[in-house]
Amino acid sequence: MLVYLKPLSIFPELHSDTLFGAITYAVSELYPELVADMINAFKEEPPFVLSSTFPFVFKQNINVRFYPKIITKKSSKDESVIIDSQDFKDFKDVEYLEEQLFFELINGNLTESDILKDFKSYNVINKILLLKDEIDIDVAIGKSIIPNNSVNRLTNKTDGIFYTSGNEYKNIGLFFLIEFFDENYIPIVKAALRFLRDRGFGKDISNGKGQFDYEIDEEFSIDDLYTSNNLDYFVTLSRFIPKIEDLEKINEYSSYEIGSKRGKSPSNEIRKQIRFFKEGSIFPNYKKYYGQLIKSGKDSPAVEYGFAFPIKCIGNKED
């Protein structure tokens, strides 16, 4: 299932862990009797997995989607080809790839070297790489820092100013993917999305931030975008917290980047640091799911979502 989010105001970043947390919160409000069972289900076999959110633009009745730039090993330099240094810098700054380019890469029909050799035939807009002249509307994603007044509830007077941040979207939205292994959770997740649409995403909903509308495309299938049968690796579209047995499968042809986060509880307890593989990382031995949920914190424990959203891809053996 593919979900399109259309931000209507300042909107937070939504990686897979944040998105899962929001859905879990919505389920706890709507179906409090189901939350414990849902969390426990993930300890055995996840009833569903979801991706992080990525940009899309609406053009001529078609949603043009963009995926995270694939993390690959550096290709050996071809001395017969001169790559413009500015092109290399511009490509290095790219964060997202147009869907067609993304699947050409993971199917092995295109390499990063091919892109760099012919970089002038592509466009880069707001760190998004796309085919030349594919998007002819003004699109932008920008970080926004907003001052807010802090009001003392006892005196009803302003105590000072604090700042919140989020992203502003111009002619652009976000999408994410969900794969269900237990169809009983489809109506539950749909109800959670309706709840979040009415409430908003993030902590600053009282200031009008985090508002959005959404559409669901239940006909979308990743399988329709594969052109090769020789795909025994996977690229994750979510933050991935591996189990020990997952780490044992990593080999010399894997390529990845590691990120970390450290949350804070409502009681201001600093939770332990969580490390994860970033979106776009590549690993061997594709299967339906990898990863785990882990608990973080003692005073008010939180559940951190760390399941990979695996997309089949070709390995890095030629790099």
C-alpha atoms as a PDB file:
ATOM      1  CA  MET A   1       0.000   0.000   0.000  1.00  0.00           C
ATOM      2  CA  LEU A   2       1.273   3.460  -0.910  1.00  0.00           C
ATOM      3  CA  VAL A   3       0.236   6.542   1.084  1.00  0.00           C
ATOM      4  CA  TYR A   4       0.587  10.107  -0.207  1.00  0.00           C
ATOM      5  CA  LEU A   5       0.808  12.818   2.450  1.00  0.00           C
ATOM      6  CA  LYS A   6       0.068  16.398   1.407  1.00  0.00           C
ATOM      7  CA  PRO A   7       1.400  18.821   4.061  1.00  0.00           C
ATOM      8  CA  LEU A   8      -0.863  21.817   4.679  1.00  0.00           C
ATOM      9  CA  SER A   9       1.479  23.602   7.092  1.00  0.00           C
ATOM     10  CA  ILE A  10       4.951  23.347   8.635  1.00  0.00           C
ATOM     11  CA  PHE A  11       5.614  19.606   8.752  1.00  0.00           C
ATOM     12  CA  PRO A  12       8.088  17.452  10.718  1.00  0.00           C
ATOM     13  CA  GLU A  13      10.567  15.003   9.221  1.00  0.00           C
ATOM     14  CA  LEU A  14       9.041  11.528   9.212  1.00  0.00           C
ATOM     15  CA  HIS A  15      11.508   8.682   9.242  1.00  0.00           C
ATOM     16  CA  SER A  16      10.121   5.174   9.701  1.00  0.00           C
ATOM     17  CA  ASP A  17      10.631   5.198  13.485  1.00  0.00           C
ATOM     18  CA  THR A  18       8.771   8.514  13.920  1.00  0.00           C
ATOM     19  CA  LEU A  19       6.017   7.406  11.562  1.00  0.00           C
ATOM     20  CA  PHE A  20       5.567   4.122  13.426  1.00  0.00           C
ATOM     21  CA  GLY A  21       5.451   5.998  16.735  1.00  0.00           C
ATOM     22  CA  ALA A  22       2.697   8.270  15.426  1.00  0.00           C
ATOM     23  CA  ILE A  23       0.646   5.322  14.132  1.00  0.00           C
ATOM     24  CA  THR A  24       1.105   3.485  17.442  1.00  0.00           C
ATOM     25  CA  TYR A  25      -0.067   6.564  19.346  1.00  0.00           C
ATOM     26  CA  ALA A  26      -3.138   6.821  17.126  1.00  0.00           C
ATOM     27  CA  VAL A  27      -3.944   3.130  17.672  1.00  0.00           C
ATOM     28  CA  SER A  28      -3.589   3.607  21.448  1.00  0.00           C
ATOM     29  CA  GLU A  29      -6.153   6.415  21.303  1.00  0.00           C
ATOM     30  CA  LEU A  30      -8.589   4.570  19.056  1.00  0.00           C
ATOM     31  CA  TYR A  31      -8.124   0.966  20.172  1.00  0.00           C
ATOM     32  CA  PRO A  32      -6.328   0.970  23.549  1.00  0.00           C
ATOM     33  CA  GLU A  33      -7.068  -2.738  23.980  1.00  0.00           C
ATOM     34  CA  LEU A  34      -5.082  -3.583  20.818  1.00  0.00           C
ATOM     35  CA  VAL A  35      -1.795  -1.777  21.429  1.00  0.00           C
ATOM     36  CA  ALA A  36      -0.093  -4.401  23.601  1.00  0.00           C
ATOM     37  CA  ASP A  37      -1.058  -7.170  21.171  1.00  0.00           C
ATOM     38  CA  MET A  38       0.270  -5.140  18.234  1.00  0.00           C
ATOM     39  CA  ILE A  39       3.630  -4.472  19.905  1.00  0.00           C
ATOM     40  CA  ASN A  40       3.925  -8.125  20.954  1.00  0.00           C
ATOM     41  CA  ALA A  41       3.175  -9.232  17.395  1.00  0.00           C
ATOM     42  CA  PHE A  42       6.259  -7.373  16.186  1.00  0.00           C
ATOM     43  CA  LYS A  43       8.399  -9.402  18.590  1.00  0.00           C
ATOM     44  CA  GLU A  44       7.461 -12.587  16.725  1.00  0.00           C
ATOM     45  CA  GLU A  45       6.732 -11.655  13.124  1.00  0.00           C
ATOM     46  CA  PRO A  46       5.792  -8.095  12.136  1.00  0.00           C
ATOM     47  CA  PRO A  47       2.154  -7.748  11.037  1.00  0.00           C
ATOM     48  CA  PHE A  48       3.351  -4.968   8.713  1.00  0.00           C
ATOM     49  CA  VAL A  49       6.479  -3.009   7.842  1.00  0.00           C
ATOM     50  CA  LEU A  50       6.676   0.579   6.657  1.00  0.00           C
ATOM     51  CA  SER A  51       9.174   2.859   4.975  1.00  0.00           C
ATOM     52  CA  SER A  52      10.324   6.353   5.815  1.00  0.00           C
ATOM     53  CA  THR A  53       8.664   9.204   3.935  1.00  0.00           C
ATOM     54  CA  PHE A  54      10.108  10.526   0.670  1.00  0.00           C
ATOM     55  CA  PRO A  55       9.170  13.397  -1.691  1.00  0.00           C
ATOM     56  CA  PHE A  56       6.757  13.285  -4.591  1.00  0.00           C
ATOM     57  CA  VAL A  57       5.397  15.906  -6.981  1.00  0.00           C
ATOM     58  CA  PHE A  58       2.106  15.915  -8.821  1.00  0.00           C
ATOM     59  CA  LYS A  59       2.471  16.459 -12.551  1.00  0.00           C
ATOM     60  CA  GLN A  60      -0.164  16.052 -15.250  1.00  0.00           C
ATOM     61  CA  ASN A  61      -2.269  13.604 -13.233  1.00  0.00           C
ATOM     62  CA  ILE A  62       0.809  11.534 -12.321  1.00  0.00           C
ATOM     63  CA  ASN A  63       2.604  11.450  -8.988  1.00  0.00           C
ATOM     64  CA  VAL A  64       6.359  11.512  -9.672  1.00  0.00           C
ATOM     65  CA  ARG A  65       8.043   9.783  -6.725  1.00  0.00           C
ATOM     66  CA  PHE A  66      11.597  10.077  -5.422  1.00  0.00           C
ATOM     67  CA  TYR A  67      13.557   7.529  -3.376  1.00  0.00           C
ATOM     68  CA  PRO A  68      16.685   7.845  -1.213  1.00  0.00           C
ATOM     69  CA  LYS A  69      20.010   7.890  -3.016  1.00  0.00           C
ATOM     70  CA  ILE A  70      21.479   4.403  -2.862  1.00  0.00           C
ATOM     71  CA  ILE A  71      24.567   4.069  -0.682  1.00  0.00           C
ATOM     72  CA  THR A  72      27.173   2.355  -2.832  1.00  0.00           C
ATOM     73  CA  LYS A  73      30.856   1.633  -2.645  1.00  0.00           C
ATOM     74  CA  LYS A  74      33.039   4.033  -4.616  1.00  0.00           C
ATOM     75  CA  SER A  75      33.540   2.758  -8.133  1.00  0.00           C
ATOM     76  CA  SER A  76      37.079   2.418  -9.420  1.00  0.00           C
ATOM     77  CA  LYS A  77      38.016   5.453 -11.470  1.00  0.00           C
ATOM     78  CA  ASP A  78      37.859   5.050 -15.229  1.00  0.00           C
ATOM     79  CA  GLU A  79      40.934   6.957 -16.444  1.00  0.00           C
ATOM     80  CA  SER A  80      39.473   7.215 -19.951  1.00  0.00           C
ATOM     81  CA  VAL A  81      36.546   9.316 -18.739  1.00  0.00           C
ATOM     82  CA  ILE A  82      36.870  12.854 -17.424  1.00  0.00           C
ATOM     83  CA  ILE A  83      34.264  13.684 -14.776  1.00  0.00           C
ATOM     84  CA  ASP A  84      33.681  17.362 -14.103  1.00  0.00           C
ATOM     85  CA  SER A  85      34.554  18.150 -10.480  1.00  0.00           C
ATOM     86  CA  GLN A  86      31.451  20.341 -10.070  1.00  0.00           C
ATOM     87  CA  ASP A  87      29.258  17.532 -11.399  1.00  0.00           C
ATOM     88  CA  PHE A  88      30.815  15.204  -8.833  1.00  0.00           C
ATOM     89  CA  LYS A  89      30.128  17.705  -6.023  1.00  0.00           C
ATOM     90  CA  ASP A  90      26.550  18.234  -7.184  1.00  0.00           C
ATOM     91  CA  PHE A  91      25.928  14.496  -7.324  1.00  0.00           C
ATOM     92  CA  LYS A  92      27.466  14.011  -3.896  1.00  0.00           C
ATOM     93  CA  ASP A  93      24.902  16.466  -2.477  1.00  0.00           C
ATOM     94  CA  VAL A  94      21.963  14.574  -4.016  1.00  0.00           C
ATOM     95  CA  GLU A  95      19.668  12.944  -1.434  1.00  0.00           C
ATOM     96  CA  TYR A  96      16.849  11.585  -3.601  1.00  0.00           C
ATOM     97  CA  LEU A  97      16.538   9.920  -7.008  1.00  0.00           C
ATOM     98  CA  GLU A  98      13.601   9.989  -9.376  1.00  0.00           C
ATOM     99  CA  GLU A  99      11.812   6.631  -9.318  1.00  0.00           C
ATOM    100  CA  GLN A 100      12.890   5.672 -12.844  1.00  0.00           C
ATOM    101  CA  LEU A 101      16.563   6.313 -12.031  1.00  0.00           C
ATOM    102  CA  PHE A 102      16.291   4.526  -8.672  1.00  0.00           C
ATOM    103  CA  PHE A 103      14.952   1.342 -10.235  1.00  0.00           C
ATOM    104  CA  GLU A 104      17.370   1.490 -13.160  1.00  0.00           C
ATOM    105  CA  LEU A 105      20.159   1.458 -10.561  1.00  0.00           C
ATOM    106  CA  ILE A 106      18.805  -1.343  -8.388  1.00  0.00           C
ATOM    107  CA  ASN A 107      18.020  -3.479 -11.438  1.00  0.00           C
ATOM    108  CA  GLY A 108      21.619  -3.093 -12.633  1.00  0.00           C
ATOM    109  CA  ASN A 109      20.694  -1.235 -15.829  1.00  0.00           C
ATOM    110  CA  LEU A 110      22.513   1.928 -14.741  1.00  0.00           C
ATOM    111  CA  THR A 111      25.480   2.770 -12.502  1.00  0.00           C
ATOM    112  CA  GLU A 112      26.568   5.893 -10.684  1.00  0.00           C
ATOM    113  CA  SER A 113      29.498   6.113 -13.111  1.00  0.00           C
ATOM    114  CA  ASP A 114      27.010   6.199 -15.999  1.00  0.00           C
ATOM    115  CA  ILE A 115      25.183   9.097 -14.341  1.00  0.00           C
ATOM    116  CA  LEU A 116      28.389  11.045 -13.696  1.00  0.00           C
ATOM    117  CA  LYS A 117      29.629  10.547 -17.269  1.00  0.00           C
ATOM    118  CA  ASP A 118      26.445  12.130 -18.606  1.00  0.00           C
ATOM    119  CA  PHE A 119      25.500  14.355 -15.683  1.00  0.00           C
ATOM    120  CA  LYS A 120      24.454  17.278 -17.897  1.00  0.00           C
ATOM    121  CA  SER A 121      21.465  15.219 -19.068  1.00  0.00           C
ATOM    122  CA  TYR A 122      19.995  15.326 -15.549  1.00  0.00           C
ATOM    123  CA  ASN A 123      18.538  18.038 -13.345  1.00  0.00           C
ATOM    124  CA  VAL A 124      19.185  18.600  -9.634  1.00  0.00           C
ATOM    125  CA  ILE A 125      16.390  20.407  -7.779  1.00  0.00           C
ATOM    126  CA  ASN A 126      16.546  20.720  -3.997  1.00  0.00           C
ATOM    127  CA  LYS A 127      18.949  17.772  -3.731  1.00  0.00           C
ATOM    128  CA  ILE A 128      16.679  15.652  -5.949  1.00  0.00           C
ATOM    129  CA  LEU A 129      18.154  14.079  -9.096  1.00  0.00           C
ATOM    130  CA  LEU A 130      15.734  13.717 -11.969  1.00  0.00           C
ATOM    131  CA  LEU A 131      15.655  13.377 -15.714  1.00  0.00           C
ATOM    132  CA  LYS A 132      16.188  16.592 -17.674  1.00  0.00           C
ATOM    133  CA  ASP A 133      13.069  18.769 -17.847  1.00  0.00           C
ATOM    134  CA  GLU A 134      11.012  16.135 -16.043  1.00  0.00           C
ATOM    135  CA  ILE A 135       9.626  18.671 -13.580  1.00  0.00           C
ATOM    136  CA  ASP A 136       8.775  22.119 -14.935  1.00  0.00           C
ATOM    137  CA  ILE A 137       7.047  23.531 -11.838  1.00  0.00           C
ATOM    138  CA  ASP A 138       8.597  25.407  -8.951  1.00  0.00           C
ATOM    139  CA  VAL A 139       9.180  22.891  -6.149  1.00  0.00           C
ATOM    140  CA  ALA A 140      11.014  23.387  -2.874  1.00  0.00           C
ATOM    141  CA  ILE A 141      11.618  21.829   0.536  1.00  0.00           C
ATOM    142  CA  GLY A 142      12.984  24.215   3.137  1.00  0.00           C
ATOM    143  CA  LYS A 143      13.787  24.115   6.829  1.00  0.00           C
ATOM    144  CA  SER A 144      11.854  26.694   8.803  1.00  0.00           C
ATOM    145  CA  ILE A 145      12.698  27.975  12.303  1.00  0.00           C
ATOM    146  CA  ILE A 146       9.690  29.606  13.957  1.00  0.00           C
ATOM    147  CA  PRO A 147       9.637  31.720  17.149  1.00  0.00           C
ATOM    148  CA  ASN A 148       6.867  30.932  19.641  1.00  0.00           C
ATOM    149  CA  ASN A 149       5.744  32.714  22.795  1.00  0.00           C
ATOM    150  CA  SER A 150       5.986  30.773  26.052  1.00  0.00           C
ATOM    151  CA  VAL A 151       3.008  31.621  28.294  1.00  0.00           C
ATOM    152  CA  ASN A 152       2.995  31.063  32.063  1.00  0.00           C
ATOM    153  CA  ARG A 153      -0.239  29.216  32.814  1.00  0.00           C
ATOM    154  CA  LEU A 154      -0.466  30.671  36.335  1.00  0.00           C
ATOM    155  CA  THR A 155       0.042  34.341  35.479  1.00  0.00           C
ATOM    156  CA  ASN A 156      -1.109  34.129  31.849  1.00  0.00           C
ATOM    157  CA  LYS A 157       1.887  36.271  30.913  1.00  0.00           C
ATOM    158  CA  THR A 158       4.593  35.674  28.348  1.00  0.00           C
ATOM    159  CA  ASP A 159       7.712  34.121  29.886  1.00  0.00           C
ATOM    160  CA  GLY A 160       9.855  34.343  26.797  1.00  0.00           C
ATOM    161  CA  ILE A 161      10.377  32.963  23.331  1.00  0.00           C
ATOM    162  CA  PHE A 162      11.213  29.435  22.245  1.00  0.00           C
ATOM    163  CA  TYR A 163      11.838  28.096  18.740  1.00  0.00           C
ATOM    164  CA  THR A 164      10.459  25.125  16.839  1.00  0.00           C
ATOM    165  CA  SER A 165      11.555  23.764  13.479  1.00  0.00           C
ATOM    166  CA  GLY A 166       9.970  21.919  10.610  1.00  0.00           C
ATOM    167  CA  ASN A 167       9.899  21.749   6.837  1.00  0.00           C
ATOM    168  CA  GLU A 168       7.924  23.878   4.422  1.00  0.00           C
ATOM    169  CA  TYR A 169       6.820  22.216   1.183  1.00  0.00           C
ATOM    170  CA  LYS A 170       6.101  24.057  -2.041  1.00  0.00           C
ATOM    171  CA  ASN A 171       4.304  22.075  -4.759  1.00  0.00           C
ATOM    172  CA  ILE A 172       5.624  18.876  -3.236  1.00  0.00           C
ATOM    173  CA  GLY A 173       4.405  16.196  -0.832  1.00  0.00           C
ATOM    174  CA  LEU A 174       5.603  13.043   0.904  1.00  0.00           C
ATOM    175  CA  PHE A 175       4.836   9.374   0.404  1.00  0.00           C
ATOM    176  CA  PHE A 176       5.561   6.154   2.245  1.00  0.00           C
ATOM    177  CA  LEU A 177       4.994   2.451   1.677  1.00  0.00           C
ATOM    178  CA  ILE A 178       3.396  -0.180   3.906  1.00  0.00           C
ATOM    179  CA  GLU A 179       3.502  -3.925   3.338  1.00  0.00           C
ATOM    180  CA  PHE A 180       1.003  -5.949   5.367  1.00  0.00           C
ATOM    181  CA  PHE A 181       1.706  -9.529   6.400  1.00  0.00           C
ATOM    182  CA  ASP A 182      -1.482  -9.648   8.507  1.00  0.00           C
ATOM    183  CA  GLU A 183      -4.418  -8.108   6.656  1.00  0.00           C
ATOM    184  CA  ASN A 184      -6.329  -7.646   9.916  1.00  0.00           C
ATOM    185  CA  TYR A 185      -4.145  -4.582  10.492  1.00  0.00           C
ATOM    186  CA  ILE A 186      -5.148  -2.823   7.259  1.00  0.00           C
ATOM    187  CA  PRO A 187      -8.332  -1.217   8.673  1.00  0.00           C
ATOM    188  CA  ILE A 188      -6.523  -0.424  11.938  1.00  0.00           C
ATOM    189  CA  VAL A 189      -3.729   1.478  10.165  1.00  0.00           C
ATOM    190  CA  LYS A 190      -6.246   3.254   7.923  1.00  0.00           C
ATOM    191  CA  ALA A 191      -8.165   4.396  10.996  1.00  0.00           C
ATOM    192  CA  ALA A 192      -4.891   5.593  12.551  1.00  0.00           C
ATOM    193  CA  LEU A 193      -4.170   7.689   9.454  1.00  0.00           C
ATOM    194  CA  ARG A 194      -7.621   9.287   9.632  1.00  0.00           C
ATOM    195  CA  PHE A 195      -7.011  10.085  13.291  1.00  0.00           C
ATOM    196  CA  LEU A 196      -3.618  11.632  12.517  1.00  0.00           C
ATOM    197  CA  ARG A 197      -5.102  13.698   9.686  1.00  0.00           C
ATOM    198  CA  ASP A 198      -7.575  15.213  12.156  1.00  0.00           C
ATOM    199  CA  ARG A 199      -4.929  15.651  14.866  1.00  0.00           C
ATOM    200  CA  GLY A 200      -1.741  16.403  12.923  1.00  0.00           C
ATOM    201  CA  PHE A 201       1.802  15.031  13.061  1.00  0.00           C
ATOM    202  CA  GLY A 202       4.332  16.136  15.659  1.00  0.00           C
ATOM    203  CA  LYS A 203       4.361  18.000  18.966  1.00  0.00           C
ATOM    204  CA  ASP A 204       3.345  21.455  17.764  1.00  0.00           C
ATOM    205  CA  ILE A 205      -0.180  20.737  16.562  1.00  0.00           C
ATOM    206  CA  SER A 206      -1.596  23.392  18.918  1.00  0.00           C
ATOM    207  CA  ASN A 207       0.185  25.982  16.758  1.00  0.00           C
ATOM    208  CA  GLY A 208      -1.333  24.627  13.554  1.00  0.00           C
ATOM    209  CA  LYS A 209       1.754  22.676  12.481  1.00  0.00           C
ATOM    210  CA  GLY A 210       1.768  19.100  11.208  1.00  0.00           C
ATOM    211  CA  GLN A 211      -1.538  19.369   9.347  1.00  0.00           C
ATOM    212  CA  PHE A 212      -1.961  17.276   6.213  1.00  0.00           C
ATOM    213  CA  ASP A 213      -4.327  15.499   3.893  1.00  0.00           C
ATOM    214  CA  TYR A 214      -3.636  12.104   2.366  1.00  0.00           C
ATOM    215  CA  GLU A 215      -4.521   9.618  -0.353  1.00  0.00           C
ATOM    216  CA  ILE A 216      -4.034   5.852  -0.443  1.00  0.00           C
ATOM    217  CA  ASP A 217      -3.053   3.887  -3.549  1.00  0.00           C
ATOM    218  CA  GLU A 218      -3.780   0.231  -2.831  1.00  0.00           C
ATOM    219  CA  GLU A 219      -2.992  -0.848  -6.399  1.00  0.00           C
ATOM    220  CA  PHE A 220       0.667   0.215  -6.321  1.00  0.00           C
ATOM    221  CA  SER A 221       3.147  -2.667  -6.441  1.00  0.00           C
ATOM    222  CA  ILE A 222       6.930  -2.490  -6.191  1.00  0.00           C
ATOM    223  CA  ASP A 223       7.101  -5.770  -8.108  1.00  0.00           C
ATOM    224  CA  ASP A 224       5.911  -3.977 -11.256  1.00  0.00           C
ATOM    225  CA  LEU A 225       9.128  -1.904 -11.251  1.00  0.00           C
ATOM    226  CA  TYR A 226      11.600  -4.789 -11.246  1.00  0.00           C
ATOM    227  CA  THR A 227      13.130  -5.675 -14.610  1.00  0.00           C
ATOM    228  CA  SER A 228      15.678  -8.253 -13.448  1.00  0.00           C
ATOM    229  CA  ASN A 229      15.309 -11.666 -11.799  1.00  0.00           C
ATOM    230  CA  ASN A 230      18.914 -11.682 -10.565  1.00  0.00           C
ATOM    231  CA  LEU A 231      18.351  -9.534  -7.470  1.00  0.00           C
ATOM    232  CA  ASP A 232      19.643 -11.240  -4.337  1.00  0.00           C
ATOM    233  CA  TYR A 233      20.493  -8.117  -2.299  1.00  0.00           C
ATOM    234  CA  PHE A 234      18.195  -5.513  -0.803  1.00  0.00           C
ATOM    235  CA  VAL A 235      18.192  -1.782  -0.202  1.00  0.00           C
ATOM    236  CA  THR A 236      16.271  -0.595   2.846  1.00  0.00           C
ATOM    237  CA  LEU A 237      13.765   2.247   2.588  1.00  0.00           C
ATOM    238  CA  SER A 238      13.552   2.571   6.369  1.00  0.00           C
ATOM    239  CA  ARG A 239      15.828   2.964   9.356  1.00  0.00           C
ATOM    240  CA  PHE A 240      17.065  -0.548  10.129  1.00  0.00           C
ATOM    241  CA  ILE A 241      18.091  -1.763  13.603  1.00  0.00           C
ATOM    242  CA  PRO A 242      19.612  -5.212  12.999  1.00  0.00           C
ATOM    243  CA  LYS A 243      19.486  -8.287  15.190  1.00  0.00           C
ATOM    244  CA  ILE A 244      22.739 -10.186  15.827  1.00  0.00           C
ATOM    245  CA  GLU A 245      21.807 -12.736  13.154  1.00  0.00           C
ATOM    246  CA  ASP A 246      21.213  -9.868  10.694  1.00  0.00           C
ATOM    247  CA  LEU A 247      24.721  -8.525  11.368  1.00  0.00           C
ATOM    248  CA  GLU A 248      26.205 -11.977  10.731  1.00  0.00           C
ATOM    249  CA  LYS A 249      24.897 -11.862   7.148  1.00  0.00           C
ATOM    250  CA  ILE A 250      26.640  -8.594   6.267  1.00  0.00           C
ATOM    251  CA  ASN A 251      29.502  -9.227   3.842  1.00  0.00           C
ATOM    252  CA  GLU A 252      32.182  -7.313   1.959  1.00  0.00           C
ATOM    253  CA  TYR A 253      29.699  -6.334  -0.736  1.00  0.00           C
ATOM    254  CA  SER A 254      27.335  -4.612   1.687  1.00  0.00           C
ATOM    255  CA  SER A 255      27.353  -0.816   1.679  1.00  0.00           C
ATOM    256  CA  TYR A 256      25.768   1.319   4.324  1.00  0.00           C
ATOM    257  CA  GLU A 257      25.836   4.384   6.530  1.00  0.00           C
ATOM    258  CA  ILE A 258      25.118   4.344  10.265  1.00  0.00           C
ATOM    259  CA  GLY A 259      23.000   6.935  12.038  1.00  0.00           C
ATOM    260  CA  SER A 260      22.072   7.402  15.682  1.00  0.00           C
ATOM    261  CA  LYS A 261      19.410   9.025  17.818  1.00  0.00           C
ATOM    262  CA  ARG A 262      18.929   9.680  21.514  1.00  0.00           C
ATOM    263  CA  GLY A 263      15.431  10.446  22.693  1.00  0.00           C
ATOM    264  CA  LYS A 264      14.038  12.089  25.797  1.00  0.00           C
ATOM    265  CA  SER A 265      11.093  10.866  27.857  1.00  0.00           C
ATOM    266  CA  PRO A 266       8.211  13.102  29.076  1.00  0.00           C
ATOM    267  CA  SER A 267       9.986  13.124  32.462  1.00  0.00           C
ATOM    268  CA  ASN A 268      13.178  14.403  30.737  1.00  0.00           C
ATOM    269  CA  GLU A 269      15.010  11.102  31.115  1.00  0.00           C
ATOM    270  CA  ILE A 270      17.724  10.861  28.437  1.00  0.00           C
ATOM    271  CA  ARG A 271      17.231   7.511  26.757  1.00  0.00           C
ATOM    272  CA  LYS A 272      20.103   5.354  25.539  1.00  0.00           C
ATOM    273  CA  GLN A 273      21.552   6.030  22.129  1.00  0.00           C
ATOM    274  CA  ILE A 274      20.046   3.976  19.316  1.00  0.00           C
ATOM    275  CA  ARG A 275      22.111   3.161  16.239  1.00  0.00           C
ATOM    276  CA  PHE A 276      20.599   2.185  12.908  1.00  0.00           C
ATOM    277  CA  PHE A 277      21.447   1.697   9.253  1.00  0.00           C
ATOM    278  CA  LYS A 278      20.233   4.622   7.158  1.00  0.00           C
ATOM    279  CA  GLU A 279      17.793   4.485   4.269  1.00  0.00           C
ATOM    280  CA  GLY A 280      19.550   3.540   1.034  1.00  0.00           C
ATOM    281  CA  SER A 281      21.915   1.012   2.686  1.00  0.00           C
ATOM    282  CA  ILE A 282      22.453  -2.268   0.804  1.00  0.00           C
ATOM    283  CA  PHE A 283      22.746  -5.788   2.249  1.00  0.00           C
ATOM    284  CA  PRO A 284      22.760  -9.385   0.958  1.00  0.00           C
ATOM    285  CA  ASN A 285      20.126 -12.118   1.125  1.00  0.00           C
ATOM    286  CA  TYR A 286      16.800 -10.483   0.416  1.00  0.00           C
ATOM    287  CA  LYS A 287      13.839 -11.681   2.497  1.00  0.00           C
ATOM    288  CA  LYS A 288      10.549 -10.170   3.635  1.00  0.00           C
ATOM    289  CA  TYR A 289      11.758  -8.571   6.828  1.00  0.00           C
ATOM    290  CA  TYR A 290      14.825  -7.845   8.909  1.00  0.00           C
ATOM    291  CA  GLY A 291      15.256  -5.917  12.128  1.00  0.00           C
ATOM    292  CA  GLN A 292      13.465  -5.522  15.433  1.00  0.00           C
ATOM    293  CA  LEU A 293      11.621  -3.362  17.902  1.00  0.00           C
ATOM    294  CA  ILE A 294      13.686  -2.392  20.921  1.00  0.00           C
ATOM    295  CA  LYS A 295      12.760  -0.732  24.202  1.00  0.00           C
ATOM    296  CA  SER A 296      14.529   2.434  25.235  1.00  0.00           C
ATOM    297  CA  GLY A 297      14.347   4.181  28.616  1.00  0.00           C
ATOM    298  CA  LYS A 298      13.556   3.143  32.195  1.00  0.00           C
ATOM    299  CA  ASP A 299      11.164   5.700  33.716  1.00  0.00           C
ATOM    300  CA  SER A 300       8.755   5.678  30.764  1.00  0.00           C
ATOM    301  CA  PRO A 301      10.055   3.142  28.211  1.00  0.00           C
ATOM    302  CA  ALA A 302       9.500   3.809  24.538  1.00  0.00           C
ATOM    303  CA  VAL A 303       9.474   1.330  21.679  1.00  0.00           C
ATOM    304  CA  GLU A 304      11.877   2.101  18.847  1.00  0.00           C
ATOM    305  CA  TYR A 305      10.890   0.776  15.430  1.00  0.00           C
ATOM    306  CA  GLY A 306      13.816  -0.715  13.513  1.00  0.00           C
ATOM    307  CA  PHE A 307      12.494  -3.043  10.804  1.00  0.00           C
ATOM    308  CA  ALA A 308      13.985  -2.742   7.337  1.00  0.00           C
ATOM    309  CA  PHE A 309      11.680  -2.062   4.407  1.00  0.00           C
ATOM    310  CA  PRO A 310      13.589  -4.214   1.895  1.00  0.00           C
ATOM    311  CA  ILE A 311      13.559  -3.570  -1.843  1.00  0.00           C
ATOM    312  CA  LYS A 312      15.301  -6.197  -3.967  1.00  0.00           C
ATOM    313  CA  CYS A 313      18.398  -4.939  -5.751  1.00  0.00           C
ATOM    314  CA  ILE A 314      21.603  -6.022  -7.454  1.00  0.00           C
ATOM    315  CA  GLY A 315      24.726  -6.276  -5.283  1.00  0.00           C
ATOM    316  CA  ASN A 316      27.939  -4.238  -5.338  1.00  0.00           C
ATOM    317  CA  LYS A 317      30.206  -7.009  -6.616  1.00  0.00           C
ATOM    318  CA  GLU A 318      31.333  -5.020  -9.633  1.00  0.00           C
ATOM    319  CA  ASP A 319      32.362  -1.989  -7.563  1.00  0.00           C
END
